[in-house]
Amino acid sequence: MFMHNKRLQYTVRVSEPNPALGSLLLEQFGGPDGELAAAMRYFTQGLAEDDPGRKDMLLDIATEELSHLEVIGSIVSMLNKGAKSALSEASLEEADLYMSLNAGGNSHTQSILYGGGPSLTNSSGVPWTAAYIDSRGDPTCDLRSNIAAESRAKIIYERLINITDDPGIKDALGFLMTREVSHQKSFEKALYSIRDNFPPGKLPGLAPYANLYVNASQGEGDAVGPWNEGEQWEKLDDVAGNLPLDGGDGQASVSLGDQEMQDYAAMVGRLASDPGASPTTGADLGGGPGAGKLSDEDMGGASDMAEAKSMARAQSPA
């Protein structure tokens, strides 16, 4: 059961309205790394979690994320207060009102369509979607995803802090940013409290490939480091010379029944290309400057091509 406390988790103090800034802050309201996405990610994970400790942690953090949604939504609402009332009462000249709503972002959408209230969109006006939730139902996989989500959210908050000089907004965003740090620490502790948490899942990796580093992008800029050298790695530089890695023939195959094989042979025969043919095409007939070489010109048939074009023009309606 949820209960709402009318006091915010952190006090919101906004110096002056700014619809354009409000639009940018929507990134953490209805964006992919925003508070609603975090709340829904952890809440749904918590409902399915069987470990009592992780379940309690996930539901605690999910519920706190809803309170963060309230904080960021309150900031957006305060930033839109002036535009909301000016639109409602038509207190500004049309030109001034137009300029105030089009200062940047999708502030005009927030003001005209949503009446200055925070919408479940990102800063570009793209609606929130459950596709942002990337849970897989395995705690070692989901906790790693949660750690990454908190890291991304912190970076977004840093960028938002850098684009405002409003001290009250900076203060509130700094609080929200720091809670991302705290949540990441909790998720990391939960992950590493699971014995043998890597690789995720139950099945072990295949031994011949678990330590293999494939140097598939070669040339100037090749670099070495702990990610591809040392006792932990077997680095493969001659990629083409060692294909396929499994020692087979490197081809795809499937076993077909008699009727399937007959159908396949008939289809391949019917759709076969004639490598000796060079038919005149629409591109040949319509070719002009910039078309490059045309097929008949490549074969010395420029006069035939000119004649074909002439016939085509003669047959076309005036």
C-alpha atoms as a PDB file:
ATOM      1  CA  MET A   1       0.000   0.000   0.000  1.00  0.00           C
ATOM      2  CA  PHE A   2       1.265   3.451  -0.894  1.00  0.00           C
ATOM      3  CA  MET A   3       0.682   6.546   1.170  1.00  0.00           C
ATOM      4  CA  HIS A   4       1.592  10.060   0.087  1.00  0.00           C
ATOM      5  CA  ASN A   5       3.282  12.505   2.416  1.00  0.00           C
ATOM      6  CA  LYS A   6       2.548  16.053   1.286  1.00  0.00           C
ATOM      7  CA  ARG A   7       6.056  17.223   2.184  1.00  0.00           C
ATOM      8  CA  LEU A   8       8.650  16.758  -0.534  1.00  0.00           C
ATOM      9  CA  GLN A   9      11.705  14.657   0.240  1.00  0.00           C
ATOM     10  CA  TYR A  10      13.770  17.755  -0.583  1.00  0.00           C
ATOM     11  CA  THR A  11      12.662  21.391  -0.592  1.00  0.00           C
ATOM     12  CA  VAL A  12      12.180  22.990  -4.018  1.00  0.00           C
ATOM     13  CA  ARG A  13      13.154  26.661  -4.308  1.00  0.00           C
ATOM     14  CA  VAL A  14      12.912  28.189  -7.789  1.00  0.00           C
ATOM     15  CA  SER A  15      14.041  31.804  -8.223  1.00  0.00           C
ATOM     16  CA  GLU A  16      12.008  32.649 -11.331  1.00  0.00           C
ATOM     17  CA  PRO A  17       9.931  30.979 -14.052  1.00  0.00           C
ATOM     18  CA  ASN A  18      11.807  29.578 -17.031  1.00  0.00           C
ATOM     19  CA  PRO A  19       9.742  27.335 -19.365  1.00  0.00           C
ATOM     20  CA  ALA A  20      12.727  26.457 -21.552  1.00  0.00           C
ATOM     21  CA  LEU A  21      14.701  25.172 -18.565  1.00  0.00           C
ATOM     22  CA  GLY A  22      11.619  23.282 -17.421  1.00  0.00           C
ATOM     23  CA  SER A  23      11.573  21.440 -20.755  1.00  0.00           C
ATOM     24  CA  LEU A  24      15.195  20.400 -20.348  1.00  0.00           C
ATOM     25  CA  LEU A  25      14.565  19.116 -16.825  1.00  0.00           C
ATOM     26  CA  LEU A  26      11.851  16.841 -18.201  1.00  0.00           C
ATOM     27  CA  GLU A  27      14.695  14.541 -19.258  1.00  0.00           C
ATOM     28  CA  GLN A  28      14.769  13.335 -15.647  1.00  0.00           C
ATOM     29  CA  PHE A  29      10.975  13.230 -15.359  1.00  0.00           C
ATOM     30  CA  GLY A  30       9.912  11.173 -18.370  1.00  0.00           C
ATOM     31  CA  GLY A  31      13.180  10.350 -20.126  1.00  0.00           C
ATOM     32  CA  PRO A  32      14.954   6.973 -20.438  1.00  0.00           C
ATOM     33  CA  ASP A  33      17.257   7.703 -17.480  1.00  0.00           C
ATOM     34  CA  GLY A  34      14.645   9.626 -15.492  1.00  0.00           C
ATOM     35  CA  GLU A  35      12.984   8.984 -12.165  1.00  0.00           C
ATOM     36  CA  LEU A  36       9.834   7.315 -13.494  1.00  0.00           C
ATOM     37  CA  ALA A  37      11.881   4.799 -15.489  1.00  0.00           C
ATOM     38  CA  ALA A  38      13.984   4.056 -12.396  1.00  0.00           C
ATOM     39  CA  ALA A  39      10.939   3.646 -10.161  1.00  0.00           C
ATOM     40  CA  MET A  40       9.221   1.261 -12.580  1.00  0.00           C
ATOM     41  CA  ARG A  41      12.424  -0.708 -13.215  1.00  0.00           C
ATOM     42  CA  TYR A  42      13.108  -1.350  -9.533  1.00  0.00           C
ATOM     43  CA  PHE A  43       9.452  -1.783  -8.564  1.00  0.00           C
ATOM     44  CA  THR A  44       8.831  -4.521 -11.129  1.00  0.00           C
ATOM     45  CA  GLN A  45      12.112  -6.197 -10.213  1.00  0.00           C
ATOM     46  CA  GLY A  46      11.178  -6.081  -6.544  1.00  0.00           C
ATOM     47  CA  LEU A  47       7.805  -7.716  -7.139  1.00  0.00           C
ATOM     48  CA  ALA A  48       9.484 -10.679  -8.833  1.00  0.00           C
ATOM     49  CA  GLU A  49      12.469 -10.959  -6.454  1.00  0.00           C
ATOM     50  CA  ASP A  50      12.631 -14.095  -4.297  1.00  0.00           C
ATOM     51  CA  ASP A  51      15.495 -13.060  -2.036  1.00  0.00           C
ATOM     52  CA  PRO A  52      13.956 -11.155   0.923  1.00  0.00           C
ATOM     53  CA  GLY A  53      16.906  -8.773   1.304  1.00  0.00           C
ATOM     54  CA  ARG A  54      17.051  -7.758  -2.359  1.00  0.00           C
ATOM     55  CA  LYS A  55      13.266  -7.522  -2.510  1.00  0.00           C
ATOM     56  CA  ASP A  56      13.196  -5.076   0.395  1.00  0.00           C
ATOM     57  CA  MET A  57      16.029  -2.995  -1.097  1.00  0.00           C
ATOM     58  CA  LEU A  58      14.420  -2.794  -4.532  1.00  0.00           C
ATOM     59  CA  LEU A  59      11.034  -1.741  -3.152  1.00  0.00           C
ATOM     60  CA  ASP A  60      12.698   0.827  -0.864  1.00  0.00           C
ATOM     61  CA  ILE A  61      14.619   2.403  -3.728  1.00  0.00           C
ATOM     62  CA  ALA A  62      11.676   2.177  -6.154  1.00  0.00           C
ATOM     63  CA  THR A  63       9.464   4.060  -3.709  1.00  0.00           C
ATOM     64  CA  GLU A  64      12.153   6.682  -3.123  1.00  0.00           C
ATOM     65  CA  GLU A  65      12.455   7.160  -6.883  1.00  0.00           C
ATOM     66  CA  LEU A  66       8.771   8.091  -6.942  1.00  0.00           C
ATOM     67  CA  SER A  67       9.542  10.786  -4.393  1.00  0.00           C
ATOM     68  CA  HIS A  68      12.329  12.000  -6.685  1.00  0.00           C
ATOM     69  CA  LEU A  69       9.824  12.082  -9.529  1.00  0.00           C
ATOM     70  CA  GLU A  70       7.742  14.380  -7.342  1.00  0.00           C
ATOM     71  CA  VAL A  71      10.740  16.654  -6.668  1.00  0.00           C
ATOM     72  CA  ILE A  72      11.776  17.031 -10.312  1.00  0.00           C
ATOM     73  CA  GLY A  73       8.136  17.390 -11.388  1.00  0.00           C
ATOM     74  CA  SER A  74       7.640  20.137  -8.810  1.00  0.00           C
ATOM     75  CA  ILE A  75      10.654  22.020 -10.174  1.00  0.00           C
ATOM     76  CA  VAL A  76       9.245  21.778 -13.701  1.00  0.00           C
ATOM     77  CA  SER A  77       5.841  23.011 -12.495  1.00  0.00           C
ATOM     78  CA  MET A  78       7.416  25.986 -10.718  1.00  0.00           C
ATOM     79  CA  LEU A  79       9.432  26.889 -13.814  1.00  0.00           C
ATOM     80  CA  ASN A  80       6.223  26.931 -15.853  1.00  0.00           C
ATOM     81  CA  LYS A  81       4.089  28.906 -13.390  1.00  0.00           C
ATOM     82  CA  GLY A  82       4.548  32.247 -15.131  1.00  0.00           C
ATOM     83  CA  ALA A  83       3.817  30.884 -18.592  1.00  0.00           C
ATOM     84  CA  LYS A  84       0.790  28.981 -17.358  1.00  0.00           C
ATOM     85  CA  SER A  85      -0.880  32.047 -15.850  1.00  0.00           C
ATOM     86  CA  ALA A  86       0.165  34.361 -18.693  1.00  0.00           C
ATOM     87  CA  LEU A  87      -1.428  32.003 -21.204  1.00  0.00           C
ATOM     88  CA  SER A  88      -4.546  31.597 -19.119  1.00  0.00           C
ATOM     89  CA  GLU A  89      -5.090  35.312 -18.567  1.00  0.00           C
ATOM     90  CA  ALA A  90      -3.526  36.651 -21.809  1.00  0.00           C
ATOM     91  CA  SER A  91      -1.609  39.203 -19.768  1.00  0.00           C
ATOM     92  CA  LEU A  92       1.273  39.586 -22.262  1.00  0.00           C
ATOM     93  CA  GLU A  93       1.301  40.967 -25.753  1.00  0.00           C
ATOM     94  CA  GLU A  94       1.186  38.209 -28.351  1.00  0.00           C
ATOM     95  CA  ALA A  95       4.781  38.730 -29.486  1.00  0.00           C
ATOM     96  CA  ASP A  96       6.155  38.698 -25.941  1.00  0.00           C
ATOM     97  CA  LEU A  97       4.172  35.615 -25.032  1.00  0.00           C
ATOM     98  CA  TYR A  98       5.305  33.852 -28.203  1.00  0.00           C
ATOM     99  CA  MET A  99       8.952  34.623 -27.456  1.00  0.00           C
ATOM    100  CA  SER A 100       8.654  33.413 -23.875  1.00  0.00           C
ATOM    101  CA  LEU A 101       7.264  30.060 -24.977  1.00  0.00           C
ATOM    102  CA  ASN A 102       9.819  29.457 -27.713  1.00  0.00           C
ATOM    103  CA  ALA A 103      13.001  30.172 -25.826  1.00  0.00           C
ATOM    104  CA  GLY A 104      14.173  26.591 -26.318  1.00  0.00           C
ATOM    105  CA  GLY A 105      13.390  22.917 -25.878  1.00  0.00           C
ATOM    106  CA  ASN A 106       9.752  21.950 -26.225  1.00  0.00           C
ATOM    107  CA  SER A 107       8.582  24.644 -23.826  1.00  0.00           C
ATOM    108  CA  HIS A 108       5.790  25.652 -26.195  1.00  0.00           C
ATOM    109  CA  THR A 109       4.403  22.099 -26.057  1.00  0.00           C
ATOM    110  CA  GLN A 110       4.537  22.084 -22.271  1.00  0.00           C
ATOM    111  CA  SER A 111       2.710  25.391 -22.056  1.00  0.00           C
ATOM    112  CA  ILE A 112       0.134  25.011 -24.846  1.00  0.00           C
ATOM    113  CA  LEU A 113      -0.673  21.306 -24.589  1.00  0.00           C
ATOM    114  CA  TYR A 114      -0.062  20.523 -20.925  1.00  0.00           C
ATOM    115  CA  GLY A 115      -0.866  23.899 -19.393  1.00  0.00           C
ATOM    116  CA  GLY A 116       2.524  24.202 -17.735  1.00  0.00           C
ATOM    117  CA  GLY A 117       2.319  20.889 -15.911  1.00  0.00           C
ATOM    118  CA  PRO A 118       5.101  18.297 -16.121  1.00  0.00           C
ATOM    119  CA  SER A 119       4.421  15.806 -18.889  1.00  0.00           C
ATOM    120  CA  LEU A 120       5.677  12.244 -19.048  1.00  0.00           C
ATOM    121  CA  THR A 121       8.018  13.021 -21.919  1.00  0.00           C
ATOM    122  CA  ASN A 122      11.713  13.561 -22.332  1.00  0.00           C
ATOM    123  CA  SER A 123      13.193  16.983 -23.082  1.00  0.00           C
ATOM    124  CA  SER A 124      12.335  16.629 -26.783  1.00  0.00           C
ATOM    125  CA  GLY A 125       8.693  15.791 -26.121  1.00  0.00           C
ATOM    126  CA  VAL A 126       8.999  12.031 -26.796  1.00  0.00           C
ATOM    127  CA  PRO A 127       6.444  10.207 -24.608  1.00  0.00           C
ATOM    128  CA  TRP A 128       7.634   7.937 -21.830  1.00  0.00           C
ATOM    129  CA  THR A 129       7.563   4.263 -22.756  1.00  0.00           C
ATOM    130  CA  ALA A 130       7.826   0.980 -20.901  1.00  0.00           C
ATOM    131  CA  ALA A 131      10.527   0.062 -23.437  1.00  0.00           C
ATOM    132  CA  TYR A 132      12.895   1.978 -21.134  1.00  0.00           C
ATOM    133  CA  ILE A 133      12.567  -0.875 -18.630  1.00  0.00           C
ATOM    134  CA  ASP A 134      15.258  -3.438 -19.466  1.00  0.00           C
ATOM    135  CA  SER A 135      14.863  -5.977 -16.637  1.00  0.00           C
ATOM    136  CA  ARG A 136      15.567  -9.633 -17.464  1.00  0.00           C
ATOM    137  CA  GLY A 137      14.512 -11.418 -14.272  1.00  0.00           C
ATOM    138  CA  ASP A 138      18.013 -12.537 -13.267  1.00  0.00           C
ATOM    139  CA  PRO A 139      19.422 -10.560 -10.316  1.00  0.00           C
ATOM    140  CA  THR A 140      23.054 -10.674 -11.473  1.00  0.00           C
ATOM    141  CA  CYS A 141      21.973  -9.246 -14.828  1.00  0.00           C
ATOM    142  CA  ASP A 142      19.431  -6.746 -13.499  1.00  0.00           C
ATOM    143  CA  LEU A 143      21.655  -5.388 -10.734  1.00  0.00           C
ATOM    144  CA  ARG A 144      24.357  -4.624 -13.289  1.00  0.00           C
ATOM    145  CA  SER A 145      21.767  -2.840 -15.412  1.00  0.00           C
ATOM    146  CA  ASN A 146      20.631  -0.896 -12.337  1.00  0.00           C
ATOM    147  CA  ILE A 147      24.202   0.162 -11.592  1.00  0.00           C
ATOM    148  CA  ALA A 148      24.547   1.452 -15.145  1.00  0.00           C
ATOM    149  CA  ALA A 149      21.179   3.234 -14.929  1.00  0.00           C
ATOM    150  CA  GLU A 150      22.195   5.087 -11.773  1.00  0.00           C
ATOM    151  CA  SER A 151      25.510   6.050 -13.411  1.00  0.00           C
ATOM    152  CA  ARG A 152      23.725   7.446 -16.472  1.00  0.00           C
ATOM    153  CA  ALA A 153      21.250   9.370 -14.347  1.00  0.00           C
ATOM    154  CA  LYS A 154      24.056  10.981 -12.354  1.00  0.00           C
ATOM    155  CA  ILE A 155      25.700  12.227 -15.544  1.00  0.00           C
ATOM    156  CA  ILE A 156      22.410  13.710 -16.789  1.00  0.00           C
ATOM    157  CA  TYR A 157      21.929  15.513 -13.473  1.00  0.00           C
ATOM    158  CA  GLU A 158      25.474  16.898 -13.734  1.00  0.00           C
ATOM    159  CA  ARG A 159      24.702  18.313 -17.167  1.00  0.00           C
ATOM    160  CA  LEU A 160      21.433  19.841 -15.967  1.00  0.00           C
ATOM    161  CA  ILE A 161      23.212  21.448 -13.022  1.00  0.00           C
ATOM    162  CA  ASN A 162      25.696  23.007 -15.443  1.00  0.00           C
ATOM    163  CA  ILE A 163      23.004  24.769 -17.514  1.00  0.00           C
ATOM    164  CA  THR A 164      21.292  26.718 -14.712  1.00  0.00           C
ATOM    165  CA  ASP A 165      22.472  29.475 -12.395  1.00  0.00           C
ATOM    166  CA  ASP A 166      19.397  29.234 -10.153  1.00  0.00           C
ATOM    167  CA  PRO A 167      20.864  28.341  -6.729  1.00  0.00           C
ATOM    168  CA  GLY A 168      17.701  26.633  -5.482  1.00  0.00           C
ATOM    169  CA  ILE A 169      17.475  24.419  -8.557  1.00  0.00           C
ATOM    170  CA  LYS A 170      21.179  23.602  -8.382  1.00  0.00           C
ATOM    171  CA  ASP A 171      20.727  22.603  -4.760  1.00  0.00           C
ATOM    172  CA  ALA A 172      17.763  20.294  -5.437  1.00  0.00           C
ATOM    173  CA  LEU A 173      19.403  18.739  -8.492  1.00  0.00           C
ATOM    174  CA  GLY A 174      22.561  18.171  -6.468  1.00  0.00           C
ATOM    175  CA  PHE A 175      20.519  16.215  -3.926  1.00  0.00           C
ATOM    176  CA  LEU A 176      18.918  14.075  -6.639  1.00  0.00           C
ATOM    177  CA  MET A 177      22.290  13.500  -8.272  1.00  0.00           C
ATOM    178  CA  THR A 178      23.816  12.361  -4.988  1.00  0.00           C
ATOM    179  CA  ARG A 179      21.016   9.890  -4.342  1.00  0.00           C
ATOM    180  CA  GLU A 180      21.994   8.211  -7.616  1.00  0.00           C
ATOM    181  CA  VAL A 181      25.440   7.674  -6.083  1.00  0.00           C
ATOM    182  CA  SER A 182      23.926   6.141  -2.947  1.00  0.00           C
ATOM    183  CA  HIS A 183      21.659   3.819  -4.920  1.00  0.00           C
ATOM    184  CA  GLN A 184      24.561   2.655  -7.063  1.00  0.00           C
ATOM    185  CA  LYS A 185      26.476   1.687  -3.930  1.00  0.00           C
ATOM    186  CA  SER A 186      23.491  -0.305  -2.651  1.00  0.00           C
ATOM    187  CA  PHE A 187      23.123  -2.150  -5.954  1.00  0.00           C
ATOM    188  CA  GLU A 188      26.837  -2.938  -6.067  1.00  0.00           C
ATOM    189  CA  LYS A 189      26.759  -4.331  -2.518  1.00  0.00           C
ATOM    190  CA  ALA A 190      23.737  -6.462  -3.418  1.00  0.00           C
ATOM    191  CA  LEU A 191      25.444  -7.748  -6.563  1.00  0.00           C
ATOM    192  CA  TYR A 192      28.698  -8.715  -4.876  1.00  0.00           C
ATOM    193  CA  SER A 193      26.871 -10.343  -1.988  1.00  0.00           C
ATOM    194  CA  ILE A 194      25.842 -13.015  -4.520  1.00  0.00           C
ATOM    195  CA  ARG A 195      28.541 -15.680  -4.654  1.00  0.00           C
ATOM    196  CA  ASP A 196      29.806 -16.519  -8.157  1.00  0.00           C
ATOM    197  CA  ASN A 197      27.849 -13.628  -9.651  1.00  0.00           C
ATOM    198  CA  PHE A 198      29.847 -13.589 -12.912  1.00  0.00           C
ATOM    199  CA  PRO A 199      29.069 -14.560 -15.589  1.00  0.00           C
ATOM    200  CA  PRO A 200      25.332 -13.940 -15.192  1.00  0.00           C
ATOM    201  CA  GLY A 201      23.053 -16.950 -15.288  1.00  0.00           C
ATOM    202  CA  LYS A 202      23.695 -20.622 -14.609  1.00  0.00           C
ATOM    203  CA  LEU A 203      25.505 -21.966 -17.662  1.00  0.00           C
ATOM    204  CA  PRO A 204      29.306 -21.594 -17.682  1.00  0.00           C
ATOM    205  CA  GLY A 205      31.104 -20.021 -20.624  1.00  0.00           C
ATOM    206  CA  LEU A 206      32.767 -22.310 -23.188  1.00  0.00           C
ATOM    207  CA  ALA A 207      36.392 -22.727 -22.111  1.00  0.00           C
ATOM    208  CA  PRO A 208      38.095 -22.199 -25.519  1.00  0.00           C
ATOM    209  CA  TYR A 209      36.481 -18.777 -25.929  1.00  0.00           C
ATOM    210  CA  ALA A 210      36.221 -17.378 -22.404  1.00  0.00           C
ATOM    211  CA  ASN A 211      39.724 -15.816 -22.483  1.00  0.00           C
ATOM    212  CA  LEU A 212      39.873 -15.001 -26.204  1.00  0.00           C
ATOM    213  CA  TYR A 213      40.345 -11.387 -27.346  1.00  0.00           C
ATOM    214  CA  VAL A 214      39.637 -10.962 -31.063  1.00  0.00           C
ATOM    215  CA  ASN A 215      41.587  -8.041 -32.549  1.00  0.00           C
ATOM    216  CA  ALA A 216      38.944  -7.454 -35.209  1.00  0.00           C
ATOM    217  CA  SER A 217      39.690  -3.750 -35.841  1.00  0.00           C
ATOM    218  CA  GLN A 218      43.293  -3.493 -37.013  1.00  0.00           C
ATOM    219  CA  GLY A 219      45.519  -0.727 -38.322  1.00  0.00           C
ATOM    220  CA  GLU A 220      46.638   2.628 -37.023  1.00  0.00           C
ATOM    221  CA  GLY A 221      45.282   3.137 -33.534  1.00  0.00           C
ATOM    222  CA  ASP A 222      45.701  -0.452 -32.321  1.00  0.00           C
ATOM    223  CA  ALA A 223      46.243  -0.322 -28.582  1.00  0.00           C
ATOM    224  CA  VAL A 224      46.950  -2.700 -25.757  1.00  0.00           C
ATOM    225  CA  GLY A 225      45.874  -2.654 -22.152  1.00  0.00           C
ATOM    226  CA  PRO A 226      44.469  -4.844 -19.413  1.00  0.00           C
ATOM    227  CA  TRP A 227      41.401  -5.439 -21.563  1.00  0.00           C
ATOM    228  CA  ASN A 228      43.355  -7.395 -24.192  1.00  0.00           C
ATOM    229  CA  GLU A 229      46.810  -8.430 -22.924  1.00  0.00           C
ATOM    230  CA  GLY A 230      48.318 -10.286 -19.999  1.00  0.00           C
ATOM    231  CA  GLU A 231      47.909 -13.782 -18.619  1.00  0.00           C
ATOM    232  CA  GLN A 232      44.134 -13.412 -18.623  1.00  0.00           C
ATOM    233  CA  TRP A 233      43.920 -13.055 -22.403  1.00  0.00           C
ATOM    234  CA  GLU A 234      44.745 -15.002 -25.532  1.00  0.00           C
ATOM    235  CA  LYS A 235      44.918 -12.307 -28.203  1.00  0.00           C
ATOM    236  CA  LEU A 236      43.993 -13.301 -31.742  1.00  0.00           C
ATOM    237  CA  ASP A 237      45.549 -11.007 -34.370  1.00  0.00           C
ATOM    238  CA  ASP A 238      45.293 -13.264 -37.433  1.00  0.00           C
ATOM    239  CA  VAL A 239      41.509 -13.270 -37.428  1.00  0.00           C
ATOM    240  CA  ALA A 240      40.918 -14.354 -41.041  1.00  0.00           C
ATOM    241  CA  GLY A 241      43.581 -17.079 -40.836  1.00  0.00           C
ATOM    242  CA  ASN A 242      41.894 -18.677 -37.841  1.00  0.00           C
ATOM    243  CA  LEU A 243      38.316 -18.757 -39.109  1.00  0.00           C
ATOM    244  CA  PRO A 244      36.160 -20.496 -38.189  1.00  0.00           C
ATOM    245  CA  LEU A 245      37.038 -20.642 -34.531  1.00  0.00           C
ATOM    246  CA  ASP A 246      35.271 -23.962 -34.058  1.00  0.00           C
ATOM    247  CA  GLY A 247      37.383 -25.817 -36.646  1.00  0.00           C
ATOM    248  CA  GLY A 248      34.439 -26.476 -38.971  1.00  0.00           C
ATOM    249  CA  ASP A 249      34.027 -25.352 -42.585  1.00  0.00           C
ATOM    250  CA  GLY A 250      32.596 -21.969 -41.645  1.00  0.00           C
ATOM    251  CA  GLN A 251      29.421 -22.453 -43.684  1.00  0.00           C
ATOM    252  CA  ALA A 252      25.754 -22.503 -42.702  1.00  0.00           C
ATOM    253  CA  SER A 253      23.869 -25.754 -43.290  1.00  0.00           C
ATOM    254  CA  VAL A 254      20.521 -27.340 -42.582  1.00  0.00           C
ATOM    255  CA  SER A 255      19.066 -30.817 -43.174  1.00  0.00           C
ATOM    256  CA  LEU A 256      16.034 -30.768 -45.469  1.00  0.00           C
ATOM    257  CA  GLY A 257      13.524 -33.488 -46.183  1.00  0.00           C
ATOM    258  CA  ASP A 258      12.967 -34.809 -49.727  1.00  0.00           C
ATOM    259  CA  GLN A 259      10.007 -32.540 -50.515  1.00  0.00           C
ATOM    260  CA  GLU A 260      11.703 -29.532 -48.929  1.00  0.00           C
ATOM    261  CA  MET A 261      14.793 -30.171 -51.034  1.00  0.00           C
ATOM    262  CA  GLN A 262      12.717 -30.416 -54.242  1.00  0.00           C
ATOM    263  CA  ASP A 263      10.928 -27.159 -53.413  1.00  0.00           C
ATOM    264  CA  TYR A 264      14.221 -25.462 -52.613  1.00  0.00           C
ATOM    265  CA  ALA A 265      15.834 -26.574 -55.886  1.00  0.00           C
ATOM    266  CA  ALA A 266      12.809 -25.403 -57.865  1.00  0.00           C
ATOM    267  CA  MET A 267      12.831 -22.016 -56.165  1.00  0.00           C
ATOM    268  CA  VAL A 268      16.575 -21.490 -56.714  1.00  0.00           C
ATOM    269  CA  GLY A 269      16.249 -22.432 -60.381  1.00  0.00           C
ATOM    270  CA  ARG A 270      13.278 -20.127 -60.944  1.00  0.00           C
ATOM    271  CA  LEU A 271      14.965 -17.134 -59.306  1.00  0.00           C
ATOM    272  CA  ALA A 272      18.481 -17.662 -60.703  1.00  0.00           C
ATOM    273  CA  SER A 273      20.285 -14.660 -62.206  1.00  0.00           C
ATOM    274  CA  ASP A 274      21.861 -14.795 -65.691  1.00  0.00           C
ATOM    275  CA  PRO A 275      25.417 -13.448 -65.270  1.00  0.00           C
ATOM    276  CA  GLY A 276      25.784 -13.128 -69.054  1.00  0.00           C
ATOM    277  CA  ALA A 277      22.803 -10.814 -69.498  1.00  0.00           C
ATOM    278  CA  SER A 278      23.053  -7.013 -69.561  1.00  0.00           C
ATOM    279  CA  PRO A 279      19.459  -5.851 -70.078  1.00  0.00           C
ATOM    280  CA  THR A 280      18.556  -2.229 -70.635  1.00  0.00           C
ATOM    281  CA  THR A 281      16.987  -0.843 -67.479  1.00  0.00           C
ATOM    282  CA  GLY A 282      15.015   2.220 -66.480  1.00  0.00           C
ATOM    283  CA  ALA A 283      18.190   3.769 -65.098  1.00  0.00           C
ATOM    284  CA  ASP A 284      19.835   3.298 -68.521  1.00  0.00           C
ATOM    285  CA  LEU A 285      16.950   4.953 -70.356  1.00  0.00           C
ATOM    286  CA  GLY A 286      16.694   7.876 -67.971  1.00  0.00           C
ATOM    287  CA  GLY A 287      20.400   8.363 -67.314  1.00  0.00           C
ATOM    288  CA  GLY A 288      21.736  11.899 -67.450  1.00  0.00           C
ATOM    289  CA  PRO A 289      24.701  13.882 -66.118  1.00  0.00           C
ATOM    290  CA  GLY A 290      25.981  12.355 -62.900  1.00  0.00           C
ATOM    291  CA  ALA A 291      24.556   8.890 -63.578  1.00  0.00           C
ATOM    292  CA  GLY A 292      27.969   7.365 -64.133  1.00  0.00           C
ATOM    293  CA  LYS A 293      28.591   4.680 -66.745  1.00  0.00           C
ATOM    294  CA  LEU A 294      25.509   2.951 -68.073  1.00  0.00           C
ATOM    295  CA  SER A 295      25.451  -0.745 -68.873  1.00  0.00           C
ATOM    296  CA  ASP A 296      25.300  -0.505 -72.682  1.00  0.00           C
ATOM    297  CA  GLU A 297      27.966   2.207 -72.736  1.00  0.00           C
ATOM    298  CA  ASP A 298      30.264  -0.108 -70.829  1.00  0.00           C
ATOM    299  CA  MET A 299      29.806  -2.675 -73.610  1.00  0.00           C
ATOM    300  CA  GLY A 300      30.250  -0.208 -76.480  1.00  0.00           C
ATOM    301  CA  GLY A 301      26.552   0.099 -77.234  1.00  0.00           C
ATOM    302  CA  ALA A 302      26.187   3.874 -76.968  1.00  0.00           C
ATOM    303  CA  SER A 303      24.365   4.137 -80.310  1.00  0.00           C
ATOM    304  CA  ASP A 304      21.856   1.469 -79.277  1.00  0.00           C
ATOM    305  CA  MET A 305      21.304   3.324 -76.030  1.00  0.00           C
ATOM    306  CA  ALA A 306      20.719   6.624 -77.842  1.00  0.00           C
ATOM    307  CA  GLU A 307      18.209   4.916 -80.110  1.00  0.00           C
ATOM    308  CA  ALA A 308      16.383   3.377 -77.153  1.00  0.00           C
ATOM    309  CA  LYS A 309      16.172   6.764 -75.453  1.00  0.00           C
ATOM    310  CA  SER A 310      14.887   8.371 -78.653  1.00  0.00           C
ATOM    311  CA  MET A 311      12.170   5.711 -78.976  1.00  0.00           C
ATOM    312  CA  ALA A 312      11.198   6.177 -75.351  1.00  0.00           C
ATOM    313  CA  ARG A 313      10.798   9.938 -75.823  1.00  0.00           C
ATOM    314  CA  ALA A 314       8.775   9.444 -79.002  1.00  0.00           C
ATOM    315  CA  GLN A 315       6.390   7.090 -77.235  1.00  0.00           C
ATOM    316  CA  SER A 316       5.866   9.353 -74.243  1.00  0.00           C
ATOM    317  CA  PRO A 317       2.812  11.669 -74.257  1.00  0.00           C
ATOM    318  CA  ALA A 318       3.464  15.309 -75.144  1.00  0.00           C
END
